[in-house]
Amino acid sequence: MTRCAHRLPLTPAFLAAVVLYAAKPATAEPPKAFVGAKIIPIAGDEIAEGTLVVADGKIVAVGPADSVKIPDGATRIDCAGRVIMPGLICTHSHIGGIGGADAAGPIQPGVRILDSLNVHDPGFKRALAGGLTTLNVMPGSGHLISGQTIYVKLRYAGGKPRKIDDLFILDAAGKPTGGLKMANGTNSMRAAPFPGTRGKSAFLVREQYIKAREYAYKVDQAKGDLDKLPPRDLNLEALVEAMQGRRVVHHHTHRHDDIMTVIRLSQEFGFRVVLHHVSEGWKVADEIAKAKVPCSVILIDSPGGKLEARNMQLSTGAVLEKAGVRVAFHTDDWITDSRIFRRMAALGVRGGMSRKAALESLTLAGAEILDLADRIGSLAPGKDADFAIYDADPLSVYSHVLQTWVEGQKVFDRDDPQDRLYAVGGYGAGHDQRPYFCCFDQSLETSQQQ
């Protein structure tokens, strides 16, 4: 039995998974059974001593050890004394050397962040060291609309990927999934052509959405006739997708008045929105709940940062939870290093959140915000086999991520010297390339890293 890091009843879902596995070619990789761990499935009660079975990138079964039948030929991985929970989901990250909208203007929704990401950025490996498996990578917040976000899965098994496209999460039509980044408040207020006031900020956004509404009407009236179609406009197309609900708006906002402006605009133009940061969300929690808008929250435990975030409170998550708002946390990496993302939920608990909501804020709530809850966010049969193995309770500051798995493949192992480098830092942890010099001693670099 391999050392790692609740048997379900024989339900139709489990039996179907076994049948599907049995139908695989003989060359298929055998299933893996992680046994003896405490399992936190998120969707369901914690399991003191459980078994998790995965095959072909999916979860086959999860439950108490005495109720999960391990398939014949499965590789058993001993996880006694460990804790397994779903891979963490960051709903707001800036890993990858992002470069979205530029100084040409405050509204550039046609820009795609996926066109600026470096798949070799060491930030992705740091995220894996923190147990993260899915990210919403965003443009910055210095614009009213800075471009389109991209949802990525950290598929780094076997030294892959070779290109950023390998990380994309595709929808049923094979299109990369993502949202639209918007912002208000002081970040986007500067010299013209940018707005100088909050009122002008809202005006400029409203003006563009009205243009997008008119553009959509013209496209609809043309009914596919190329002679009647308006000139293609990538900026307006992105706004139309938002108004049609095909692209969720991820909106940077801090002050309570800015939060209400976002809600007002979303209701006026019909776009779905997630409120990000919400430093003063606790002031208008009932209004957020009434609007049925989820929040992606960030917490810090030391003073500093921008003036409009000065009223941030550790109790924000708890106040929103009590009001009935769905809450996820995010890193805003580098604001919070992805390796200590779990600490955000621990701070939420310190501020009054329930343990259940805090754990969901790192997993299932984020999956729901990204419209991916049918695939990730909890340990359940049929979902992607994305999970992390810890040496102690995930909300403890003394716990470590031992392994991270994405779609049934191990992508981080703290016992591997190179992976450990990304987890703890040191020489080479921030480099994404090796020098090509003819006289450079690669063995010296390796020894220095160790």
Protein backbone atom coordinates (compact mmCIF):
# COMPACT_ATOMS: atom_id res chain seq x y z
CA MET A 1 0.00 0.00 0.00
CA THR A 2 1.29 3.44 -0.93
CA ARG A 3 1.53 5.96 1.93
CA CYS A 4 -0.17 9.30 1.21
CA ALA A 5 -0.36 12.07 2.50
CA HIS A 6 -16.73 6.76 3.65
CA ARG A 7 -17.47 3.90 1.65
CA LEU A 8 -20.68 5.10 -0.01
CA PRO A 9 -23.55 2.63 -0.17
CA LEU A 10 -23.80 0.85 -3.51
CA THR A 11 -25.76 3.69 -5.05
CA PRO A 12 -26.71 3.83 -8.75
CA ALA A 13 -24.04 6.53 -9.25
CA PHE A 14 -21.35 4.30 -7.74
CA LEU A 15 -22.46 1.22 -9.70
CA ALA A 16 -22.54 3.23 -12.92
CA ALA A 17 -19.01 4.48 -12.28
CA VAL A 18 -17.79 0.91 -11.70
CA VAL A 19 -19.47 -0.26 -14.92
CA LEU A 20 -17.89 2.58 -16.86
CA TYR A 21 -14.50 1.75 -15.42
CA ALA A 22 -14.92 -1.93 -16.28
CA ALA A 23 -15.66 -0.95 -19.88
CA LYS A 24 -12.36 0.91 -20.22
CA PRO A 25 -9.56 -0.59 -22.32
CA ALA A 26 -7.05 -2.75 -20.47
CA THR A 27 -4.47 0.01 -20.88
CA ALA A 28 -6.50 2.44 -18.76
CA GLU A 29 -4.82 3.59 -15.55
CA PRO A 30 -6.13 1.62 -12.56
CA PRO A 31 -8.27 3.50 -10.04
CA LYS A 32 -6.76 4.90 -6.87
CA ALA A 33 -8.20 4.48 -3.39
CA PHE A 34 -7.12 6.94 -0.70
CA VAL A 35 -7.83 5.19 2.57
CA GLY A 36 -7.77 6.03 6.28
CA ALA A 37 -7.96 9.82 6.03
CA LYS A 38 -10.31 12.23 7.65
CA ILE A 39 -12.36 13.46 4.69
CA ILE A 40 -14.04 16.85 4.45
CA PRO A 41 -16.32 16.42 1.41
CA ILE A 42 -17.90 19.89 1.88
CA ALA A 43 -21.24 18.61 0.54
CA GLY A 44 -22.01 16.47 3.57
CA ASP A 45 -20.68 15.75 7.04
CA GLU A 46 -16.99 15.32 7.76
CA ILE A 47 -15.89 11.68 7.78
CA ALA A 48 -13.56 10.65 10.60
CA GLU A 49 -12.03 7.73 8.72
CA GLY A 50 -12.95 7.59 5.08
CA THR A 51 -12.09 6.31 1.63
CA LEU A 52 -11.90 8.29 -1.59
CA VAL A 53 -11.84 6.38 -4.89
CA VAL A 54 -10.88 8.12 -8.13
CA ALA A 55 -10.57 6.84 -11.70
CA ASP A 56 -10.10 8.46 -15.09
CA GLY A 57 -9.93 11.92 -13.56
CA LYS A 58 -13.26 11.63 -11.74
CA ILE A 59 -14.41 10.75 -8.24
CA VAL A 60 -15.95 7.27 -8.19
CA ALA A 61 -16.89 7.03 -4.51
CA VAL A 62 -16.37 8.77 -1.19
CA GLY A 63 -17.62 7.79 2.23
CA PRO A 64 -16.86 6.01 5.52
CA ALA A 65 -14.28 3.24 5.22
CA ASP A 66 -16.81 0.52 5.98
CA SER A 67 -19.21 1.59 3.22
CA VAL A 68 -16.99 2.12 0.16
CA LYS A 69 -16.15 -0.90 -1.97
CA ILE A 70 -12.68 -0.49 -3.45
CA PRO A 71 -12.53 -1.79 -7.06
CA ASP A 72 -10.35 -4.80 -7.78
CA GLY A 73 -6.90 -3.77 -8.97
CA ALA A 74 -7.08 -0.32 -7.42
CA THR A 75 -3.91 1.26 -6.06
CA ARG A 76 -4.37 1.82 -2.34
CA ILE A 77 -2.81 4.95 -0.86
CA ASP A 78 -2.55 5.00 2.93
CA CYS A 79 -3.66 8.37 4.26
CA ALA A 80 -4.00 7.53 7.95
CA GLY A 81 -3.58 10.66 10.06
CA ARG A 82 -4.14 12.92 7.05
CA VAL A 83 -7.01 15.17 5.99
CA ILE A 84 -8.48 15.27 2.48
CA MET A 85 -10.69 18.06 1.17
CA PRO A 86 -11.59 19.42 -2.28
CA GLY A 87 -9.10 21.49 -4.21
CA LEU A 88 -9.32 25.15 -3.25
CA ILE A 89 -10.84 27.66 -5.67
CA CYS A 90 -9.66 31.26 -5.87
CA THR A 91 -12.29 33.47 -7.43
CA HIS A 92 -9.91 36.41 -7.86
CA SER A 93 -6.25 35.90 -8.76
CA HIS A 94 -3.63 37.82 -10.71
CA ILE A 95 -1.13 35.00 -11.21
CA GLY A 96 0.54 34.67 -14.60
CA GLY A 97 2.06 38.05 -15.33
CA ILE A 98 -1.26 39.62 -16.26
CA GLY A 99 -1.65 42.49 -18.69
CA GLY A 100 -5.19 43.55 -19.56
CA ALA A 101 -6.49 46.98 -20.53
CA ASP A 102 -3.99 49.82 -21.04
CA ALA A 103 -4.04 53.61 -20.58
CA ALA A 104 -5.97 54.25 -23.79
CA GLY A 105 -9.28 54.49 -21.96
CA PRO A 106 -11.27 53.38 -18.93
CA ILE A 107 -13.52 50.83 -20.68
CA GLN A 108 -11.95 47.98 -22.67
CA PRO A 109 -14.15 44.87 -22.31
CA GLY A 110 -12.86 43.29 -25.52
CA VAL A 111 -9.42 42.67 -24.01
CA ARG A 112 -8.81 39.01 -23.06
CA ILE A 113 -6.52 38.25 -20.13
CA LEU A 114 -5.83 34.82 -21.61
CA ASP A 115 -3.73 36.50 -24.31
CA SER A 116 -1.26 37.82 -21.74
CA LEU A 117 -0.65 34.86 -19.41
CA ASN A 118 2.66 33.06 -18.98
CA VAL A 119 2.02 29.39 -18.23
CA HIS A 120 5.55 29.09 -16.79
CA ASP A 121 4.94 31.77 -14.17
CA PRO A 122 6.01 30.25 -10.82
CA GLY A 123 2.88 31.69 -9.23
CA PHE A 124 0.90 28.75 -10.60
CA LYS A 125 3.17 26.31 -8.77
CA ARG A 126 2.89 28.37 -5.58
CA ALA A 127 -0.87 28.07 -5.88
CA LEU A 128 -0.60 24.28 -6.10
CA ALA A 129 1.58 24.35 -2.99
CA GLY A 130 -1.35 26.03 -1.25
CA GLY A 131 -3.84 23.36 -2.31
CA LEU A 132 -5.46 25.49 -5.01
CA THR A 133 -6.66 23.70 -8.13
CA THR A 134 -8.88 26.28 -9.90
CA LEU A 135 -8.37 30.02 -10.42
CA ASN A 136 -10.30 32.92 -11.89
CA VAL A 137 -7.42 34.92 -13.36
CA MET A 138 -8.40 38.58 -13.69
CA PRO A 139 -7.16 41.77 -15.34
CA GLY A 140 -6.38 44.57 -12.91
CA SER A 141 -8.83 47.01 -11.33
CA GLY A 142 -7.46 50.30 -12.63
CA HIS A 143 -10.24 50.54 -15.22
CA LEU A 144 -14.01 50.65 -15.10
CA ILE A 145 -13.91 47.60 -17.37
CA SER A 146 -10.47 46.06 -17.84
CA GLY A 147 -11.27 42.95 -19.85
CA GLN A 148 -12.32 39.33 -19.79
CA THR A 149 -11.21 36.91 -17.08
CA ILE A 150 -10.29 33.25 -17.62
CA TYR A 151 -11.09 30.23 -15.45
CA VAL A 152 -8.17 27.81 -15.31
CA LYS A 153 -7.49 24.37 -13.85
CA LEU A 154 -3.89 23.85 -12.68
CA ARG A 155 -3.03 20.76 -14.74
CA TYR A 156 0.70 20.54 -13.99
CA ALA A 157 1.17 16.76 -13.85
CA GLY A 158 4.25 15.40 -15.61
CA GLY A 159 5.86 18.77 -16.17
CA LYS A 160 2.96 20.02 -18.26
CA PRO A 161 1.44 22.29 -19.53
CA ARG A 162 3.24 23.70 -22.53
CA LYS A 163 0.82 26.57 -23.20
CA ILE A 164 -1.79 28.48 -21.21
CA ASP A 165 -4.54 26.92 -23.32
CA ASP A 166 -3.83 23.60 -21.58
CA LEU A 167 -5.22 25.09 -18.36
CA PHE A 168 -8.51 26.41 -19.75
CA ILE A 169 -11.79 25.07 -18.38
CA LEU A 170 -13.98 24.58 -21.43
CA ASP A 171 -17.76 24.76 -21.58
CA ALA A 172 -20.00 22.24 -23.34
CA ALA A 173 -19.33 23.96 -26.67
CA GLY A 174 -15.54 23.77 -26.18
CA LYS A 175 -15.20 27.49 -25.45
CA PRO A 176 -12.93 28.76 -22.64
CA THR A 177 -14.94 29.83 -19.61
CA GLY A 178 -14.48 33.22 -17.96
CA GLY A 179 -16.12 36.39 -16.77
CA LEU A 180 -15.82 40.15 -17.23
CA LYS A 181 -13.79 42.33 -14.85
CA MET A 182 -15.25 45.67 -13.78
CA ALA A 183 -14.29 48.11 -11.04
CA ASN A 184 -15.36 51.33 -9.39
CA GLY A 185 -14.10 53.49 -6.56
CA THR A 186 -10.75 55.23 -6.49
CA ASN A 187 -8.77 52.78 -8.65
CA SER A 188 -10.33 53.98 -11.89
CA MET A 189 -10.52 57.69 -10.96
CA ARG A 190 -7.76 59.72 -12.59
CA ALA A 191 -7.13 62.24 -15.36
CA ALA A 192 -9.25 62.19 -18.52
CA PRO A 193 -10.18 60.12 -20.45
CA PHE A 194 -10.65 58.31 -17.15
CA PRO A 195 -13.38 59.53 -14.78
CA GLY A 196 -12.60 61.99 -12.02
CA THR A 197 -15.63 61.28 -9.83
CA ARG A 198 -17.82 58.38 -8.79
CA GLY A 199 -20.78 59.89 -10.64
CA LYS A 200 -18.82 60.13 -13.88
CA SER A 201 -17.66 56.54 -13.42
CA ALA A 202 -21.24 55.27 -13.31
CA PHE A 203 -22.18 57.51 -16.25
CA LEU A 204 -19.43 56.10 -18.48
CA VAL A 205 -20.42 52.51 -17.66
CA ARG A 206 -24.10 53.22 -18.24
CA GLU A 207 -23.30 54.91 -21.55
CA GLN A 208 -21.41 51.86 -22.85
CA TYR A 209 -24.06 49.37 -21.78
CA ILE A 210 -26.70 51.43 -23.60
CA LYS A 211 -24.55 51.29 -26.73
CA ALA A 212 -24.19 47.55 -26.27
CA ARG A 213 -27.97 47.18 -25.94
CA GLU A 214 -28.44 49.10 -29.20
CA TYR A 215 -25.73 46.99 -30.87
CA ALA A 216 -27.46 43.76 -29.79
CA TYR A 217 -30.77 45.05 -31.20
CA LYS A 218 -29.18 45.78 -34.59
CA VAL A 219 -27.56 42.34 -34.69
CA ASP A 220 -30.87 40.71 -33.83
CA GLN A 221 -32.76 42.70 -36.48
CA ALA A 222 -30.22 41.78 -39.15
CA LYS A 223 -31.15 38.12 -38.71
CA GLY A 224 -27.86 36.95 -40.16
CA ASP A 225 -27.95 39.22 -43.24
CA LEU A 226 -24.33 40.37 -43.66
CA ASP A 227 -25.42 43.55 -45.44
CA LYS A 228 -27.55 44.59 -42.47
CA LEU A 229 -25.18 43.61 -39.63
CA PRO A 230 -23.43 46.51 -37.87
CA PRO A 231 -19.61 46.58 -37.99
CA ARG A 232 -18.30 44.03 -35.54
CA ASP A 233 -17.34 45.57 -32.17
CA LEU A 234 -15.44 43.31 -29.76
CA ASN A 235 -15.98 45.68 -26.83
CA LEU A 236 -19.74 45.77 -27.28
CA GLU A 237 -19.89 42.01 -27.90
CA ALA A 238 -18.42 41.38 -24.44
CA LEU A 239 -21.01 43.66 -22.83
CA VAL A 240 -23.81 41.93 -24.73
CA GLU A 241 -22.57 38.58 -23.42
CA ALA A 242 -22.77 40.01 -19.89
CA MET A 243 -26.30 41.33 -20.39
CA GLN A 244 -27.38 37.99 -21.82
CA GLY A 245 -26.01 36.16 -18.80
CA ARG A 246 -23.32 34.33 -20.76
CA ARG A 247 -20.48 36.11 -18.96
CA VAL A 248 -20.58 36.84 -15.22
CA VAL A 249 -19.37 40.30 -14.15
CA HIS A 250 -16.70 40.18 -11.44
CA HIS A 251 -16.84 43.66 -9.91
CA HIS A 252 -14.13 45.21 -7.74
CA THR A 253 -15.81 47.46 -5.15
CA HIS A 254 -15.06 48.54 -1.58
CA ARG A 255 -17.24 51.32 -0.16
CA HIS A 256 -20.88 50.75 0.68
CA ASP A 257 -22.02 53.47 -1.77
CA ASP A 258 -19.95 51.91 -4.56
CA ILE A 259 -21.48 48.52 -3.75
CA MET A 260 -24.97 49.96 -4.15
CA THR A 261 -23.98 51.55 -7.47
CA VAL A 262 -22.89 48.16 -8.78
CA ILE A 263 -26.18 46.56 -7.73
CA ARG A 264 -28.11 49.42 -9.33
CA LEU A 265 -26.26 49.02 -12.65
CA SER A 266 -26.61 45.24 -12.66
CA GLN A 267 -30.38 45.54 -12.18
CA GLU A 268 -30.67 48.23 -14.83
CA PHE A 269 -28.85 46.21 -17.50
CA GLY A 270 -29.57 42.68 -16.33
CA PHE A 271 -26.03 41.41 -15.94
CA ARG A 272 -25.18 38.84 -13.28
CA VAL A 273 -22.60 40.16 -10.87
CA VAL A 274 -20.26 38.99 -8.13
CA LEU A 275 -19.13 41.70 -5.71
CA HIS A 276 -15.39 41.47 -5.05
CA HIS A 277 -13.56 42.73 -1.94
CA VAL A 278 -16.61 44.47 -0.33
CA SER A 279 -14.61 46.04 2.50
CA GLU A 280 -17.80 47.78 3.64
CA GLY A 281 -20.12 44.95 2.70
CA TRP A 282 -21.06 44.59 6.34
CA LYS A 283 -22.72 48.02 6.16
CA VAL A 284 -25.16 46.95 3.42
CA ALA A 285 -25.37 43.18 3.98
CA ASP A 286 -29.18 43.12 3.89
CA GLU A 287 -29.25 45.05 0.61
CA ILE A 288 -26.74 42.63 -0.94
CA ALA A 289 -28.82 39.68 0.25
CA LYS A 290 -32.02 41.22 -1.13
CA ALA A 291 -30.36 41.61 -4.53
CA LYS A 292 -29.29 37.93 -4.35
CA VAL A 293 -25.71 38.86 -5.22
CA PRO A 294 -22.80 36.65 -4.06
CA CYS A 295 -19.59 38.14 -2.68
CA SER A 296 -15.94 37.28 -3.17
CA VAL A 297 -14.28 38.67 -0.05
CA ILE A 298 -10.70 39.41 0.94
CA LEU A 299 -9.49 39.83 4.52
CA ILE A 300 -6.22 41.11 5.88
CA ASP A 301 -5.11 41.09 9.49
CA SER A 302 -2.88 44.16 9.45
CA PRO A 303 -3.56 47.83 8.71
CA GLY A 304 -2.56 49.45 5.44
CA GLY A 305 -3.67 49.49 1.84
CA LYS A 306 -6.03 51.93 0.19
CA LEU A 307 -8.04 54.50 2.09
CA GLU A 308 -11.40 53.26 0.82
CA ALA A 309 -10.72 49.88 2.45
CA ARG A 310 -10.06 51.33 5.90
CA ASN A 311 -13.39 50.06 7.26
CA MET A 312 -12.65 46.44 6.41
CA GLN A 313 -13.60 44.08 9.26
CA LEU A 314 -12.82 40.46 10.04
CA SER A 315 -16.52 40.05 10.73
CA THR A 316 -17.51 40.84 7.13
CA GLY A 317 -17.87 37.17 6.17
CA ALA A 318 -19.93 36.46 9.29
CA VAL A 319 -22.24 39.43 8.78
CA LEU A 320 -22.82 38.48 5.14
CA GLU A 321 -23.38 34.82 6.08
CA LYS A 322 -25.96 35.80 8.69
CA ALA A 323 -27.76 37.99 6.13
CA GLY A 324 -27.97 35.06 3.71
CA VAL A 325 -25.29 36.12 1.23
CA ARG A 326 -23.20 33.43 -0.47
CA VAL A 327 -19.58 34.16 0.45
CA ALA A 328 -16.33 33.01 -1.11
CA PHE A 329 -12.86 34.24 -0.21
CA HIS A 330 -10.10 35.09 -2.67
CA THR A 331 -6.38 35.78 -2.64
CA ASP A 332 -6.01 38.72 -5.04
CA ASP A 333 -2.55 37.14 -5.27
CA TRP A 334 -0.07 38.86 -4.45
CA ILE A 335 -2.22 40.68 -1.89
CA THR A 336 -2.49 37.30 -0.19
CA ASP A 337 0.01 34.65 -1.23
CA SER A 338 -1.84 31.64 -2.62
CA ARG A 339 0.19 29.36 -0.33
CA ILE A 340 -1.67 30.76 2.68
CA PHE A 341 -5.11 31.13 1.11
CA ARG A 342 -6.64 28.83 3.76
CA ARG A 343 -5.76 31.42 6.36
CA MET A 344 -8.45 33.68 4.89
CA ALA A 345 -11.16 31.26 5.99
CA ALA A 346 -9.53 30.90 9.39
CA LEU A 347 -9.71 34.68 9.81
CA GLY A 348 -13.36 34.48 8.77
CA VAL A 349 -14.00 32.00 11.57
CA ARG A 350 -12.21 34.30 14.00
CA GLY A 351 -14.59 37.03 12.85
CA GLY A 352 -17.65 34.88 13.55
CA MET A 353 -18.24 32.75 10.44
CA SER A 354 -19.36 29.17 10.91
CA ARG A 355 -16.80 26.46 10.14
CA LYS A 356 -19.11 25.11 7.45
CA ALA A 357 -19.43 28.44 5.63
CA ALA A 358 -15.70 29.10 6.00
CA LEU A 359 -14.74 25.78 4.39
CA GLU A 360 -17.31 26.33 1.65
CA SER A 361 -15.87 29.80 1.06
CA LEU A 362 -12.67 28.14 -0.15
CA THR A 363 -14.37 25.51 -2.28
CA LEU A 364 -18.04 25.08 -3.16
CA ALA A 365 -19.01 28.76 -2.91
CA GLY A 366 -16.25 29.64 -5.35
CA ALA A 367 -17.38 26.88 -7.71
CA GLU A 368 -20.92 28.28 -7.64
CA ILE A 369 -19.66 31.80 -8.34
CA LEU A 370 -17.79 30.51 -11.40
CA ASP A 371 -20.77 28.41 -12.58
CA LEU A 372 -18.68 25.25 -12.11
CA ALA A 373 -20.35 23.64 -9.10
CA ASP A 374 -21.43 20.64 -11.17
CA ARG A 375 -17.75 19.83 -11.78
CA ILE A 376 -15.72 21.05 -8.79
CA GLY A 377 -16.00 22.39 -5.23
CA SER A 378 -16.93 19.24 -3.33
CA LEU A 379 -16.00 15.56 -3.16
CA ALA A 380 -18.86 13.67 -4.77
CA PRO A 381 -19.16 10.86 -7.35
CA GLY A 382 -18.97 12.18 -10.88
CA LYS A 383 -17.09 15.37 -10.05
CA ASP A 384 -13.51 16.10 -11.10
CA ALA A 385 -10.95 14.41 -8.84
CA ASP A 386 -9.49 17.71 -7.56
CA PHE A 387 -8.37 17.55 -3.94
CA ALA A 388 -5.55 18.26 -1.49
CA ILE A 389 -4.09 16.18 1.32
CA TYR A 390 -3.09 17.91 4.57
CA ASP A 391 -1.15 16.83 7.62
CA ALA A 392 -3.63 18.55 9.98
CA ASP A 393 -6.86 20.53 9.96
CA PRO A 394 -6.91 22.84 6.92
CA LEU A 395 -7.90 25.88 9.02
CA SER A 396 -4.93 25.47 11.36
CA VAL A 397 -1.94 27.73 10.78
CA TYR A 398 0.25 24.74 11.66
CA SER A 399 -1.05 22.51 8.86
CA HIS A 400 0.72 21.91 5.54
CA VAL A 401 -0.44 20.82 2.12
CA LEU A 402 1.30 17.50 1.50
CA GLN A 403 -0.10 16.76 -1.95
CA THR A 404 -2.40 18.39 -4.49
CA TRP A 405 -4.27 16.39 -7.13
CA VAL A 406 -6.00 17.70 -10.25
CA GLU A 407 -8.30 15.45 -12.27
CA GLY A 408 -6.82 12.38 -10.58
CA GLN A 409 -3.19 13.36 -11.27
CA LYS A 410 -0.72 14.40 -8.59
CA VAL A 411 0.47 17.91 -9.41
CA PHE A 412 2.21 18.84 -6.14
CA ASP A 413 4.12 16.71 -3.63
CA ARG A 414 5.82 18.38 -0.68
CA ASP A 415 8.28 15.48 -0.52
CA ASP A 416 9.53 16.35 -4.00
CA PRO A 417 12.46 18.80 -3.60
CA GLN A 418 11.38 20.98 -6.53
CA ASP A 419 7.77 21.16 -5.33
CA ARG A 420 8.92 21.85 -1.79
CA LEU A 421 10.93 24.79 -3.12
CA TYR A 422 7.73 26.44 -4.33
CA ALA A 423 6.06 25.70 -0.99
CA VAL A 424 8.72 27.18 1.28
CA GLY A 425 10.62 29.58 -1.00
CA GLY A 426 14.32 29.95 -1.56
CA TYR A 427 16.76 30.22 -4.42
CA GLY A 428 15.04 29.48 -7.74
CA ALA A 429 11.47 29.59 -6.48
CA GLY A 430 10.74 32.78 -8.39
CA HIS A 431 12.30 31.77 -11.70
CA ASP A 432 10.30 30.44 -14.64
CA GLN A 433 13.33 29.79 -16.88
CA ARG A 434 16.88 28.51 -16.66
CA PRO A 435 19.80 30.46 -18.14
CA TYR A 436 20.94 29.14 -21.52
CA PHE A 437 24.58 30.23 -21.06
CA CYS A 438 27.06 27.73 -22.49
CA CYS A 439 29.13 27.86 -19.32
CA PHE A 440 26.29 27.81 -16.78
CA ASP A 441 26.54 24.91 -14.34
CA GLN A 442 23.01 23.50 -13.97
CA SER A 443 24.15 21.13 -11.23
CA LEU A 444 25.33 24.13 -9.19
CA GLU A 445 21.90 25.71 -9.51
CA THR A 446 20.27 22.47 -8.34
CA SER A 447 22.56 22.23 -5.29
CA GLN A 448 21.83 25.85 -4.40
CA GLN A 449 18.10 25.22 -4.60
CA GLN A 450 18.42 22.34 -2.15
